[in-house]
Amino acid sequence: MKEFAPSDEELEAYRKGEEWDPQKAEQRRRLKEQAALEMEEASRSQKRPVSPNSNYRDKYSHLIGTSAAKDAAHTLQANRAYGCVPVANKRDTRSIEEAMNEIRAKKRQKKGEEEGAGSGSSSV
């Protein structure tokens, strides 16, 4: 009785009706590893430069220009007023109780306005 479950390779051999031989399996595993290493080495040595399928610069040069875009890209700066909020404006200096009281007051005011508008139109 074996201590461990059979490996995938062993099960595959039994399914094919072959006799399981650990030495042959080890030899096959080594050949697969060697082939994988050779493929990896071949892919490393065949580095091709990446090039686009078409030249968009020529196709759209009437829209984007040729040299002006390069010059503008170097001098481009973000608008300082856009998206910049001072930290002092971000902080709410009210206490939690004050904020909750203001929210409740707004809700009461809204309810009062709705009830006032609703009672005037219900007279028939």
PDB file of N, CA and C in Angstrom:
ATOM      1  N   MET A   1       0.850  -1.182   0.000  1.00  0.00           N
ATOM      2  CA  MET A   1       0.000   0.000   0.000  1.00  0.00           C
ATOM      3  C   MET A   1       0.891   1.239   0.000  1.00  0.00           C
ATOM      4  N   LYS A   2       0.559   2.230  -0.871  1.00  0.00           N
ATOM      5  CA  LYS A   2       1.346   3.457  -0.968  1.00  0.00           C
ATOM      6  C   LYS A   2       0.914   4.437   0.113  1.00  0.00           C
ATOM      7  N   GLU A   3       1.868   5.249   0.548  1.00  0.00           N
ATOM      8  CA  GLU A   3       1.571   6.261   1.555  1.00  0.00           C
ATOM      9  C   GLU A   3       0.908   7.490   0.944  1.00  0.00           C
ATOM     10  N   PHE A   4       1.247   7.835  -0.313  1.00  0.00           N
ATOM     11  CA  PHE A   4       0.765   9.048  -0.946  1.00  0.00           C
ATOM     12  C   PHE A   4      -0.146   8.703  -2.116  1.00  0.00           C
ATOM     13  N   ALA A   5      -1.005   9.639  -2.475  1.00  0.00           N
ATOM     14  CA  ALA A   5      -1.875   9.467  -3.642  1.00  0.00           C
ATOM     15  C   ALA A   5      -1.012   9.503  -4.894  1.00  0.00           C
ATOM     16  N   PRO A   6      -1.414   8.825  -5.954  1.00  0.00           N
ATOM     17  CA  PRO A   6      -0.614   8.821  -7.181  1.00  0.00           C
ATOM     18  C   PRO A   6      -0.603  10.217  -7.826  1.00  0.00           C
ATOM     19  N   SER A   7       0.492  10.525  -8.470  1.00  0.00           N
ATOM     20  CA  SER A   7       0.627  11.829  -9.121  1.00  0.00           C
ATOM     21  C   SER A   7      -0.223  11.863 -10.393  1.00  0.00           C
ATOM     22  N   ASP A   8      -0.374  13.054 -10.937  1.00  0.00           N
ATOM     23  CA  ASP A   8      -1.155  13.217 -12.166  1.00  0.00           C
ATOM     24  C   ASP A   8      -0.532  12.432 -13.311  1.00  0.00           C
ATOM     25  N   GLU A   9       0.781  12.452 -13.379  1.00  0.00           N
ATOM     26  CA  GLU A   9       1.474  11.718 -14.445  1.00  0.00           C
ATOM     27  C   GLU A   9       1.230  10.216 -14.317  1.00  0.00           C
ATOM     28  N   GLU A  10       1.253   9.734 -13.078  1.00  0.00           N
ATOM     29  CA  GLU A  10       1.021   8.313 -12.850  1.00  0.00           C
ATOM     30  C   GLU A  10      -0.408   7.929 -13.223  1.00  0.00           C
ATOM     31  N   LEU A  11      -1.356   8.744 -12.851  1.00  0.00           N
ATOM     32  CA  LEU A  11      -2.750   8.469 -13.212  1.00  0.00           C
ATOM     33  C   LEU A  11      -2.949   8.493 -14.718  1.00  0.00           C
ATOM     34  N   GLU A  12      -2.302   9.443 -15.381  1.00  0.00           N
ATOM     35  CA  GLU A  12      -2.409   9.534 -16.834  1.00  0.00           C
ATOM     36  C   GLU A  12      -1.857   8.272 -17.503  1.00  0.00           C
ATOM     37  N   ALA A  13      -0.748   7.775 -16.981  1.00  0.00           N
ATOM     38  CA  ALA A  13      -0.166   6.552 -17.535  1.00  0.00           C
ATOM     39  C   ALA A  13      -1.122   5.375 -17.344  1.00  0.00           C
ATOM     40  N   TYR A  14      -1.745   5.250 -16.191  1.00  0.00           N
ATOM     41  CA  TYR A  14      -2.695   4.157 -15.944  1.00  0.00           C
ATOM     42  C   TYR A  14      -3.914   4.278 -16.844  1.00  0.00           C
ATOM     43  N   ARG A  15      -4.363   5.505 -17.109  1.00  0.00           N
ATOM     44  CA  ARG A  15      -5.520   5.694 -17.990  1.00  0.00           C
ATOM     45  C   ARG A  15      -5.215   5.260 -19.410  1.00  0.00           C
ATOM     46  N   LYS A  16      -3.965   5.483 -19.834  1.00  0.00           N
ATOM     47  CA  LYS A  16      -3.558   5.076 -21.181  1.00  0.00           C
ATOM     48  C   LYS A  16      -3.302   3.579 -21.268  1.00  0.00           C
ATOM     49  N   GLY A  17      -3.300   2.929 -20.135  1.00  0.00           N
ATOM     50  CA  GLY A  17      -3.056   1.493 -20.114  1.00  0.00           C
ATOM     51  C   GLY A  17      -1.578   1.148 -20.094  1.00  0.00           C
ATOM     52  N   GLU A  18      -0.748   2.102 -19.756  1.00  0.00           N
ATOM     53  CA  GLU A  18       0.690   1.888 -19.711  1.00  0.00           C
ATOM     54  C   GLU A  18       1.118   1.549 -18.291  1.00  0.00           C
ATOM     55  N   GLU A  19       2.286   0.965 -18.188  1.00  0.00           N
ATOM     56  CA  GLU A  19       2.865   0.677 -16.871  1.00  0.00           C
ATOM     57  C   GLU A  19       3.609   1.927 -16.390  1.00  0.00           C
ATOM     58  N   TRP A  20       3.425   2.289 -15.128  1.00  0.00           N
ATOM     59  CA  TRP A  20       4.050   3.485 -14.554  1.00  0.00           C
ATOM     60  C   TRP A  20       5.504   3.202 -14.238  1.00  0.00           C
ATOM     61  N   ASP A  21       6.382   4.047 -14.781  1.00  0.00           N
ATOM     62  CA  ASP A  21       7.804   3.919 -14.510  1.00  0.00           C
ATOM     63  C   ASP A  21       8.316   5.286 -14.041  1.00  0.00           C
ATOM     64  N   PRO A  22       8.669   5.403 -12.762  1.00  0.00           N
ATOM     65  CA  PRO A  22       9.103   6.712 -12.243  1.00  0.00           C
ATOM     66  C   PRO A  22      10.348   7.260 -12.938  1.00  0.00           C
ATOM     67  N   GLN A  23      11.226   6.380 -13.398  1.00  0.00           N
ATOM     68  CA  GLN A  23      12.443   6.851 -14.069  1.00  0.00           C
ATOM     69  C   GLN A  23      12.112   7.500 -15.410  1.00  0.00           C
ATOM     70  N   LYS A  24      11.199   6.875 -16.160  1.00  0.00           N
ATOM     71  CA  LYS A  24      10.794   7.456 -17.446  1.00  0.00           C
ATOM     72  C   LYS A  24      10.062   8.784 -17.228  1.00  0.00           C
ATOM     73  N   ALA A  25       9.269   8.839 -16.182  1.00  0.00           N
ATOM     74  CA  ALA A  25       8.531  10.068 -15.885  1.00  0.00           C
ATOM     75  C   ALA A  25       9.500  11.198 -15.553  1.00  0.00           C
ATOM     76  N   GLU A  26      10.537  10.886 -14.801  1.00  0.00           N
ATOM     77  CA  GLU A  26      11.539  11.891 -14.452  1.00  0.00           C
ATOM     78  C   GLU A  26      12.267  12.375 -15.700  1.00  0.00           C
ATOM     79  N   GLN A  27      12.550  11.442 -16.606  1.00  0.00           N
ATOM     80  CA  GLN A  27      13.230  11.797 -17.849  1.00  0.00           C
ATOM     81  C   GLN A  27      12.344  12.704 -18.706  1.00  0.00           C
ATOM     82  N   ARG A  28      11.036  12.384 -18.788  1.00  0.00           N
ATOM     83  CA  ARG A  28      10.098  13.224 -19.541  1.00  0.00           C
ATOM     84  C   ARG A  28      10.012  14.624 -18.935  1.00  0.00           C
ATOM     85  N   ARG A  29       9.963  14.686 -17.596  1.00  0.00           N
ATOM     86  CA  ARG A  29       9.875  15.975 -16.915  1.00  0.00           C
ATOM     87  C   ARG A  29      11.099  16.838 -17.228  1.00  0.00           C
ATOM     88  N   ARG A  30      12.287  16.207 -17.239  1.00  0.00           N
ATOM     89  CA  ARG A  30      13.515  16.938 -17.553  1.00  0.00           C
ATOM     90  C   ARG A  30      13.504  17.454 -18.989  1.00  0.00           C
ATOM     91  N   LEU A  31      13.016  16.622 -19.919  1.00  0.00           N
ATOM     92  CA  LEU A  31      12.939  17.048 -21.315  1.00  0.00           C
ATOM     93  C   LEU A  31      11.983  18.238 -21.465  1.00  0.00           C
ATOM     94  N   LYS A  32      10.865  18.188 -20.752  1.00  0.00           N
ATOM     95  CA  LYS A  32       9.908  19.305 -20.819  1.00  0.00           C
ATOM     96  C   LYS A  32      10.532  20.582 -20.268  1.00  0.00           C
ATOM     97  N   GLU A  33      11.231  20.477 -19.143  1.00  0.00           N
ATOM     98  CA  GLU A  33      11.884  21.650 -18.555  1.00  0.00           C
ATOM     99  C   GLU A  33      12.925  22.223 -19.505  1.00  0.00           C
ATOM    100  N   GLN A  34      13.710  21.332 -20.132  1.00  0.00           N
ATOM    101  CA  GLN A  34      14.751  21.778 -21.051  1.00  0.00           C
ATOM    102  C   GLN A  34      14.123  22.471 -22.261  1.00  0.00           C
ATOM    103  N   ALA A  35      13.026  21.916 -22.783  1.00  0.00           N
ATOM    104  CA  ALA A  35      12.350  22.530 -23.924  1.00  0.00           C
ATOM    105  C   ALA A  35      11.792  23.901 -23.534  1.00  0.00           C
ATOM    106  N   ALA A  36      11.254  24.008 -22.324  1.00  0.00           N
ATOM    107  CA  ALA A  36      10.718  25.295 -21.868  1.00  0.00           C
ATOM    108  C   ALA A  36      11.833  26.322 -21.738  1.00  0.00           C
ATOM    109  N   LEU A  37      12.989  25.907 -21.220  1.00  0.00           N
ATOM    110  CA  LEU A  37      14.120  26.823 -21.100  1.00  0.00           C
ATOM    111  C   LEU A  37      14.613  27.283 -22.472  1.00  0.00           C
ATOM    112  N   GLU A  38      14.645  26.349 -23.431  1.00  0.00           N
ATOM    113  CA  GLU A  38      15.082  26.705 -24.781  1.00  0.00           C
ATOM    114  C   GLU A  38      14.122  27.694 -25.430  1.00  0.00           C
ATOM    115  N   MET A  39      12.815  27.480 -25.209  1.00  0.00           N
ATOM    116  CA  MET A  39      11.815  28.391 -25.769  1.00  0.00           C
ATOM    117  C   MET A  39      11.964  29.787 -25.152  1.00  0.00           C
ATOM    118  N   GLU A  40      12.198  29.833 -23.852  1.00  0.00           N
ATOM    119  CA  GLU A  40      12.371  31.111 -23.166  1.00  0.00           C
ATOM    120  C   GLU A  40      13.617  31.827 -23.678  1.00  0.00           C
ATOM    121  N   GLU A  41      14.681  31.082 -23.861  1.00  0.00           N
ATOM    122  CA  GLU A  41      15.931  31.652 -24.368  1.00  0.00           C
ATOM    123  C   GLU A  41      15.738  32.173 -25.784  1.00  0.00           C
ATOM    124  N   ALA A  42      15.005  31.440 -26.602  1.00  0.00           N
ATOM    125  CA  ALA A  42      14.761  31.866 -27.977  1.00  0.00           C
ATOM    126  C   ALA A  42      13.903  33.134 -28.005  1.00  0.00           C
ATOM    127  N   SER A  43      12.945  33.210 -27.115  1.00  0.00           N
ATOM    128  CA  SER A  43      12.089  34.404 -27.101  1.00  0.00           C
ATOM    129  C   SER A  43      12.866  35.626 -26.625  1.00  0.00           C
ATOM    130  N   ARG A  44      13.811  35.431 -25.722  1.00  0.00           N
ATOM    131  CA  ARG A  44      14.634  36.545 -25.254  1.00  0.00           C
ATOM    132  C   ARG A  44      15.537  37.067 -26.359  1.00  0.00           C
ATOM    133  N   SER A  45      16.106  36.164 -27.157  1.00  0.00           N
ATOM    134  CA  SER A  45      17.062  36.565 -28.184  1.00  0.00           C
ATOM    135  C   SER A  45      16.377  37.202 -29.387  1.00  0.00           C
ATOM    136  N   GLN A  46      15.079  36.982 -29.559  1.00  0.00           N
ATOM    137  CA  GLN A  46      14.373  37.510 -30.720  1.00  0.00           C
ATOM    138  C   GLN A  46      13.525  38.726 -30.348  1.00  0.00           C
ATOM    139  N   LYS A  47      14.080  39.674 -29.640  1.00  0.00           N
ATOM    140  CA  LYS A  47      13.365  40.897 -29.278  1.00  0.00           C
ATOM    141  C   LYS A  47      13.230  41.757 -30.520  1.00  0.00           C
ATOM    142  N   ARG A  48      11.979  42.003 -30.893  1.00  0.00           N
ATOM    143  CA  ARG A  48      11.725  42.852 -32.045  1.00  0.00           C
ATOM    144  C   ARG A  48      11.266  44.217 -31.548  1.00  0.00           C
ATOM    145  N   PRO A  49      11.679  45.274 -32.208  1.00  0.00           N
ATOM    146  CA  PRO A  49      11.203  46.608 -31.790  1.00  0.00           C
ATOM    147  C   PRO A  49       9.703  46.729 -32.047  1.00  0.00           C
ATOM    148  N   VAL A  50       9.009  47.347 -31.104  1.00  0.00           N
ATOM    149  CA  VAL A  50       7.570  47.512 -31.232  1.00  0.00           C
ATOM    150  C   VAL A  50       7.292  48.706 -32.116  1.00  0.00           C
ATOM    151  N   SER A  51       6.453  48.502 -33.112  1.00  0.00           N
ATOM    152  CA  SER A  51       6.099  49.599 -34.002  1.00  0.00           C
ATOM    153  C   SER A  51       4.583  49.581 -34.211  1.00  0.00           C
ATOM    154  N   PRO A  52       3.960  50.744 -34.336  1.00  0.00           N
ATOM    155  CA  PRO A  52       2.514  50.774 -34.533  1.00  0.00           C
ATOM    156  C   PRO A  52       2.135  50.253 -35.914  1.00  0.00           C
ATOM    157  N   ASN A  53       0.872  49.855 -36.036  1.00  0.00           N
ATOM    158  CA  ASN A  53       0.396  49.336 -37.316  1.00  0.00           C
ATOM    159  C   ASN A  53       0.377  50.411 -38.394  1.00  0.00           C
ATOM    160  N   SER A  54       0.130  51.643 -37.991  1.00  0.00           N
ATOM    161  CA  SER A  54       0.141  52.736 -38.958  1.00  0.00           C
ATOM    162  C   SER A  54       0.786  53.954 -38.306  1.00  0.00           C
ATOM    163  N   ASN A  55       1.143  54.898 -39.136  1.00  0.00           N
ATOM    164  CA  ASN A  55       1.792  56.095 -38.634  1.00  0.00           C
ATOM    165  C   ASN A  55       0.728  57.174 -38.441  1.00  0.00           C
ATOM    166  N   TYR A  56       0.260  57.349 -37.210  1.00  0.00           N
ATOM    167  CA  TYR A  56      -0.805  58.303 -36.927  1.00  0.00           C
ATOM    168  C   TYR A  56      -0.339  59.748 -37.083  1.00  0.00           C
ATOM    169  N   ARG A  57       0.956  59.967 -36.891  1.00  0.00           N
ATOM    170  CA  ARG A  57       1.471  61.323 -37.028  1.00  0.00           C
ATOM    171  C   ARG A  57       1.229  61.847 -38.444  1.00  0.00           C
ATOM    172  N   ASP A  58       1.463  61.003 -39.451  1.00  0.00           N
ATOM    173  CA  ASP A  58       1.255  61.432 -40.826  1.00  0.00           C
ATOM    174  C   ASP A  58      -0.231  61.552 -41.142  1.00  0.00           C
ATOM    175  N   LYS A  59      -1.007  60.626 -40.623  1.00  0.00           N
ATOM    176  CA  LYS A  59      -2.424  60.567 -40.946  1.00  0.00           C
ATOM    177  C   LYS A  59      -3.192  61.755 -40.360  1.00  0.00           C
ATOM    178  N   TYR A  60      -2.833  62.159 -39.144  1.00  0.00           N
ATOM    179  CA  TYR A  60      -3.568  63.216 -38.456  1.00  0.00           C
ATOM    180  C   TYR A  60      -2.735  64.485 -38.260  1.00  0.00           C
ATOM    181  N   SER A  61      -1.733  64.673 -39.077  1.00  0.00           N
ATOM    182  CA  SER A  61      -0.866  65.832 -38.889  1.00  0.00           C
ATOM    183  C   SER A  61      -1.623  67.140 -39.099  1.00  0.00           C
ATOM    184  N   HIS A  62      -2.667  67.133 -39.924  1.00  0.00           N
ATOM    185  CA  HIS A  62      -3.437  68.359 -40.130  1.00  0.00           C
ATOM    186  C   HIS A  62      -4.219  68.736 -38.873  1.00  0.00           C
ATOM    187  N   LEU A  63      -4.445  67.773 -37.963  1.00  0.00           N
ATOM    188  CA  LEU A  63      -5.162  68.061 -36.725  1.00  0.00           C
ATOM    189  C   LEU A  63      -4.223  68.370 -35.562  1.00  0.00           C
ATOM    190  N   ILE A  64      -3.176  67.589 -35.432  1.00  0.00           N
ATOM    191  CA  ILE A  64      -2.303  67.726 -34.261  1.00  0.00           C
ATOM    192  C   ILE A  64      -1.037  68.516 -34.538  1.00  0.00           C
ATOM    193  N   GLY A  65      -0.750  68.797 -35.767  1.00  0.00           N
ATOM    194  CA  GLY A  65       0.459  69.550 -36.093  1.00  0.00           C
ATOM    195  C   GLY A  65       1.683  68.658 -36.044  1.00  0.00           C
ATOM    196  N   THR A  66       2.814  69.231 -36.364  1.00  0.00           N
ATOM    197  CA  THR A  66       4.044  68.440 -36.380  1.00  0.00           C
ATOM    198  C   THR A  66       5.014  68.852 -35.288  1.00  0.00           C
ATOM    199  N   SER A  67       5.300  70.137 -35.179  1.00  0.00           N
ATOM    200  CA  SER A  67       6.281  70.552 -34.187  1.00  0.00           C
ATOM    201  C   SER A  67       5.659  71.325 -33.035  1.00  0.00           C
ATOM    202  N   ALA A  68       4.516  71.926 -33.240  1.00  0.00           N
ATOM    203  CA  ALA A  68       3.904  72.753 -32.197  1.00  0.00           C
ATOM    204  C   ALA A  68       3.512  71.908 -30.990  1.00  0.00           C
ATOM    205  N   ALA A  69       3.076  70.700 -31.228  1.00  0.00           N
ATOM    206  CA  ALA A  69       2.649  69.843 -30.116  1.00  0.00           C
ATOM    207  C   ALA A  69       3.825  69.490 -29.221  1.00  0.00           C
ATOM    208  N   LYS A  70       4.966  69.266 -29.789  1.00  0.00           N
ATOM    209  CA  LYS A  70       6.153  68.950 -28.985  1.00  0.00           C
ATOM    210  C   LYS A  70       6.557  70.143 -28.125  1.00  0.00           C
ATOM    211  N   ASP A  71       6.519  71.334 -28.714  1.00  0.00           N
ATOM    212  CA  ASP A  71       6.877  72.532 -27.958  1.00  0.00           C
ATOM    213  C   ASP A  71       5.880  72.790 -26.842  1.00  0.00           C
ATOM    214  N   ALA A  72       4.609  72.606 -27.123  1.00  0.00           N
ATOM    215  CA  ALA A  72       3.570  72.858 -26.126  1.00  0.00           C
ATOM    216  C   ALA A  72       3.649  71.851 -24.989  1.00  0.00           C
ATOM    217  N   ALA A  73       4.023  70.637 -25.278  1.00  0.00           N
ATOM    218  CA  ALA A  73       4.105  69.614 -24.245  1.00  0.00           C
ATOM    219  C   ALA A  73       5.191  69.931 -23.238  1.00  0.00           C
ATOM    220  N   HIS A  74       6.253  70.563 -23.673  1.00  0.00           N
ATOM    221  CA  HIS A  74       7.339  70.892 -22.755  1.00  0.00           C
ATOM    222  C   HIS A  74       6.993  72.081 -21.866  1.00  0.00           C
ATOM    223  N   THR A  75       6.201  73.022 -22.385  1.00  0.00           N
ATOM    224  CA  THR A  75       5.879  74.216 -21.608  1.00  0.00           C
ATOM    225  C   THR A  75       4.556  74.091 -20.865  1.00  0.00           C
ATOM    226  N   LEU A  76       3.910  72.960 -20.949  1.00  0.00           N
ATOM    227  CA  LEU A  76       2.606  72.771 -20.332  1.00  0.00           C
ATOM    228  C   LEU A  76       2.714  72.775 -18.813  1.00  0.00           C
ATOM    229  N   GLN A  77       1.887  73.592 -18.168  1.00  0.00           N
ATOM    230  CA  GLN A  77       1.840  73.647 -16.715  1.00  0.00           C
ATOM    231  C   GLN A  77       0.386  73.604 -16.291  1.00  0.00           C
ATOM    232  N   ALA A  78       0.136  73.019 -15.144  1.00  0.00           N
ATOM    233  CA  ALA A  78      -1.222  72.921 -14.642  1.00  0.00           C
ATOM    234  C   ALA A  78      -1.710  74.288 -14.184  1.00  0.00           C
ATOM    235  N   ASN A  79      -2.979  74.529 -14.375  1.00  0.00           N
ATOM    236  CA  ASN A  79      -3.593  75.767 -13.908  1.00  0.00           C
ATOM    237  C   ASN A  79      -3.639  75.718 -12.384  1.00  0.00           C
ATOM    238  N   ARG A  80      -3.042  76.682 -11.743  1.00  0.00           N
ATOM    239  CA  ARG A  80      -2.939  76.647 -10.287  1.00  0.00           C
ATOM    240  C   ARG A  80      -4.291  76.805  -9.612  1.00  0.00           C
ATOM    241  N   ALA A  81      -5.219  77.490 -10.229  1.00  0.00           N
ATOM    242  CA  ALA A  81      -6.521  77.711  -9.609  1.00  0.00           C
ATOM    243  C   ALA A  81      -7.422  76.481  -9.749  1.00  0.00           C
ATOM    244  N   TYR A  82      -7.162  75.641 -10.718  1.00  0.00           N
ATOM    245  CA  TYR A  82      -8.033  74.495 -10.976  1.00  0.00           C
ATOM    246  C   TYR A  82      -7.762  73.368  -9.999  1.00  0.00           C
ATOM    247  N   GLY A  83      -8.753  72.988  -9.259  1.00  0.00           N
ATOM    248  CA  GLY A  83      -8.648  71.834  -8.387  1.00  0.00           C
ATOM    249  C   GLY A  83      -7.884  72.048  -7.108  1.00  0.00           C
ATOM    250  N   CYS A  84      -7.410  73.250  -6.861  1.00  0.00           N
ATOM    251  CA  CYS A  84      -6.644  73.501  -5.644  1.00  0.00           C
ATOM    252  C   CYS A  84      -7.521  74.205  -4.626  1.00  0.00           C
ATOM    253  N   VAL A  85      -7.871  73.512  -3.569  1.00  0.00           N
ATOM    254  CA  VAL A  85      -8.672  74.083  -2.495  1.00  0.00           C
ATOM    255  C   VAL A  85      -7.780  74.164  -1.270  1.00  0.00           C
ATOM    256  N   PRO A  86      -7.706  75.315  -0.642  1.00  0.00           N
ATOM    257  CA  PRO A  86      -6.875  75.420   0.560  1.00  0.00           C
ATOM    258  C   PRO A  86      -7.379  74.489   1.662  1.00  0.00           C
ATOM    259  N   VAL A  87      -6.465  73.995   2.460  1.00  0.00           N
ATOM    260  CA  VAL A  87      -6.808  73.057   3.518  1.00  0.00           C
ATOM    261  C   VAL A  87      -7.765  73.700   4.516  1.00  0.00           C
ATOM    262  N   ALA A  88      -7.624  74.990   4.737  1.00  0.00           N
ATOM    263  CA  ALA A  88      -8.503  75.687   5.683  1.00  0.00           C
ATOM    264  C   ALA A  88      -9.954  75.621   5.231  1.00  0.00           C
ATOM    265  N   ASN A  89     -10.191  75.617   3.917  1.00  0.00           N
ATOM    266  CA  ASN A  89     -11.562  75.542   3.409  1.00  0.00           C
ATOM    267  C   ASN A  89     -12.134  74.126   3.497  1.00  0.00           C
ATOM    268  N   LYS A  90     -11.299  73.144   3.609  1.00  0.00           N
ATOM    269  CA  LYS A  90     -11.758  71.753   3.662  1.00  0.00           C
ATOM    270  C   LYS A  90     -12.203  71.364   5.064  1.00  0.00           C
ATOM    271  N   ARG A  91     -11.719  72.055   6.080  1.00  0.00           N
ATOM    272  CA  ARG A  91     -12.013  71.674   7.458  1.00  0.00           C
ATOM    273  C   ARG A  91     -13.330  72.281   7.909  1.00  0.00           C
ATOM    274  N   ASP A  92     -14.146  71.480   8.555  1.00  0.00           N
ATOM    275  CA  ASP A  92     -15.387  71.958   9.146  1.00  0.00           C
ATOM    276  C   ASP A  92     -15.103  72.201  10.617  1.00  0.00           C
ATOM    277  N   THR A  93     -15.168  73.456  11.033  1.00  0.00           N
ATOM    278  CA  THR A  93     -14.787  73.802  12.407  1.00  0.00           C
ATOM    279  C   THR A  93     -15.939  73.628  13.389  1.00  0.00           C
ATOM    280  N   ARG A  94     -17.122  73.271  12.880  1.00  0.00           N
ATOM    281  CA  ARG A  94     -18.258  73.088  13.781  1.00  0.00           C
ATOM    282  C   ARG A  94     -18.100  71.788  14.567  1.00  0.00           C
ATOM    283  N   SER A  95     -18.743  71.742  15.730  1.00  0.00           N
ATOM    284  CA  SER A  95     -18.751  70.497  16.488  1.00  0.00           C
ATOM    285  C   SER A  95     -19.810  69.580  15.882  1.00  0.00           C
ATOM    286  N   ILE A  96     -19.805  68.340  16.289  1.00  0.00           N
ATOM    287  CA  ILE A  96     -20.777  67.376  15.767  1.00  0.00           C
ATOM    288  C   ILE A  96     -22.190  67.809  16.141  1.00  0.00           C
ATOM    289  N   GLU A  97     -22.368  68.272  17.366  1.00  0.00           N
ATOM    290  CA  GLU A  97     -23.692  68.687  17.811  1.00  0.00           C
ATOM    291  C   GLU A  97     -24.206  69.851  16.970  1.00  0.00           C
ATOM    292  N   GLU A  98     -23.327  70.813  16.680  1.00  0.00           N
ATOM    293  CA  GLU A  98     -23.745  71.957  15.868  1.00  0.00           C
ATOM    294  C   GLU A  98     -24.157  71.521  14.466  1.00  0.00           C
ATOM    295  N   ALA A  99     -23.380  70.631  13.882  1.00  0.00           N
ATOM    296  CA  ALA A  99     -23.697  70.147  12.542  1.00  0.00           C
ATOM    297  C   ALA A  99     -25.018  69.381  12.538  1.00  0.00           C
ATOM    298  N   MET A 100     -25.224  68.527  13.544  1.00  0.00           N
ATOM    299  CA  MET A 100     -26.479  67.752  13.622  1.00  0.00           C
ATOM    300  C   MET A 100     -27.668  68.689  13.833  1.00  0.00           C
ATOM    301  N   ASN A 101     -27.531  69.725  14.662  1.00  0.00           N
ATOM    302  CA  ASN A 101     -28.611  70.679  14.881  1.00  0.00           C
ATOM    303  C   ASN A 101     -28.970  71.417  13.598  1.00  0.00           C
ATOM    304  N   GLU A 102     -27.971  71.777  12.812  1.00  0.00           N
ATOM    305  CA  GLU A 102     -28.238  72.454  11.538  1.00  0.00           C
ATOM    306  C   GLU A 102     -28.976  71.539  10.577  1.00  0.00           C
ATOM    307  N   ILE A 103     -28.590  70.270  10.526  1.00  0.00           N
ATOM    308  CA  ILE A 103     -29.263  69.302   9.642  1.00  0.00           C
ATOM    309  C   ILE A 103     -30.711  69.137  10.073  1.00  0.00           C
ATOM    310  N   ARG A 104     -30.957  69.010  11.387  1.00  0.00           N
ATOM    311  CA  ARG A 104     -32.325  68.867  11.898  1.00  0.00           C
ATOM    312  C   ARG A 104     -33.162  70.103  11.583  1.00  0.00           C
ATOM    313  N   ALA A 105     -32.566  71.272  11.719  1.00  0.00           N
ATOM    314  CA  ALA A 105     -33.286  72.510  11.434  1.00  0.00           C
ATOM    315  C   ALA A 105     -33.685  72.582   9.961  1.00  0.00           C
ATOM    316  N   LYS A 106     -32.795  72.178   9.085  1.00  0.00           N
ATOM    317  CA  LYS A 106     -33.112  72.170   7.655  1.00  0.00           C
ATOM    318  C   LYS A 106     -34.235  71.197   7.350  1.00  0.00           C
ATOM    319  N   LYS A 107     -34.228  70.013   7.995  1.00  0.00           N
ATOM    320  CA  LYS A 107     -35.289  69.030   7.780  1.00  0.00           C
ATOM    321  C   LYS A 107     -36.626  69.577   8.267  1.00  0.00           C
ATOM    322  N   ARG A 108     -36.626  70.217   9.437  1.00  0.00           N
ATOM    323  CA  ARG A 108     -37.868  70.796   9.983  1.00  0.00           C
ATOM    324  C   ARG A 108     -38.405  71.877   9.042  1.00  0.00           C
ATOM    325  N   GLN A 109     -37.501  72.694   8.531  1.00  0.00           N
ATOM    326  CA  GLN A 109     -37.904  73.759   7.625  1.00  0.00           C
ATOM    327  C   GLN A 109     -38.508  73.182   6.357  1.00  0.00           C
ATOM    328  N   LYS A 110     -37.905  72.110   5.833  1.00  0.00           N
ATOM    329  CA  LYS A 110     -38.407  71.468   4.628  1.00  0.00           C
ATOM    330  C   LYS A 110     -39.799  70.891   4.868  1.00  0.00           C
ATOM    331  N   LYS A 111     -39.974  70.199   6.012  1.00  0.00           N
ATOM    332  CA  LYS A 111     -41.273  69.618   6.340  1.00  0.00           C
ATOM    333  C   LYS A 111     -42.329  70.705   6.473  1.00  0.00           C
ATOM    334  N   GLY A 112     -41.967  71.791   7.109  1.00  0.00           N
ATOM    335  CA  GLY A 112     -42.897  72.911   7.273  1.00  0.00           C
ATOM    336  C   GLY A 112     -43.323  73.486   5.938  1.00  0.00           C
ATOM    337  N   GLU A 113     -42.397  73.616   5.004  1.00  0.00           N
ATOM    338  CA  GLU A 113     -42.720  74.145   3.675  1.00  0.00           C
ATOM    339  C   GLU A 113     -43.625  73.183   2.918  1.00  0.00           C
ATOM    340  N   GLU A 114     -43.368  71.866   3.027  1.00  0.00           N
ATOM    341  CA  GLU A 114     -44.184  70.864   2.335  1.00  0.00           C
ATOM    342  C   GLU A 114     -45.599  70.843   2.909  1.00  0.00           C
ATOM    343  N   GLU A 115     -45.740  70.916   4.246  1.00  0.00           N
ATOM    344  CA  GLU A 115     -47.060  70.892   4.871  1.00  0.00           C
ATOM    345  C   GLU A 115     -47.832  72.159   4.536  1.00  0.00           C
ATOM    346  N   GLY A 116     -47.151  73.269   4.501  1.00  0.00           N
ATOM    347  CA  GLY A 116     -47.800  74.540   4.158  1.00  0.00           C
ATOM    348  C   GLY A 116     -48.291  74.552   2.727  1.00  0.00           C
ATOM    349  N   ALA A 117     -47.527  74.009   1.813  1.00  0.00           N
ATOM    350  CA  ALA A 117     -47.910  73.962   0.405  1.00  0.00           C
ATOM    351  C   ALA A 117     -48.995  72.899   0.197  1.00  0.00           C
ATOM    352  N   GLY A 118     -48.949  71.815   0.937  1.00  0.00           N
ATOM    353  CA  GLY A 118     -49.926  70.725   0.779  1.00  0.00           C
ATOM    354  C   GLY A 118     -51.291  71.078   1.320  1.00  0.00           C
ATOM    355  N   SER A 119     -51.417  71.869   2.404  1.00  0.00           N
ATOM    356  CA  SER A 119     -52.696  72.177   3.031  1.00  0.00           C
ATOM    357  C   SER A 119     -53.474  73.201   2.211  1.00  0.00           C
ATOM    358  N   GLY A 120     -52.817  74.064   1.460  1.00  0.00           N
ATOM    359  CA  GLY A 120     -53.502  75.091   0.673  1.00  0.00           C
ATOM    360  C   GLY A 120     -54.189  74.528  -0.551  1.00  0.00           C
ATOM    361  N   SER A 121     -53.749  73.446  -1.100  1.00  0.00           N
ATOM    362  CA  SER A 121     -54.324  72.883  -2.323  1.00  0.00           C
ATOM    363  C   SER A 121     -55.349  71.800  -2.036  1.00  0.00           C
ATOM    364  N   SER A 122     -55.558  71.442  -0.781  1.00  0.00           N
ATOM    365  CA  SER A 122     -56.478  70.342  -0.479  1.00  0.00           C
ATOM    366  C   SER A 122     -57.896  70.823  -0.177  1.00  0.00           C
ATOM    367  N   SER A 123     -58.167  72.123  -0.249  1.00  0.00           N
ATOM    368  CA  SER A 123     -59.521  72.614   0.024  1.00  0.00           C
ATOM    369  C   SER A 123     -60.394  72.418  -1.209  1.00  0.00           C
ATOM    370  N   VAL A 124     -61.498  71.624  -1.033  1.00  0.00           N
ATOM    371  CA  VAL A 124     -62.404  71.331  -2.162  1.00  0.00           C
ATOM    372  C   VAL A 124     -63.782  71.791  -1.846  1.00  0.00           C
TER     373      VAL A 124
END
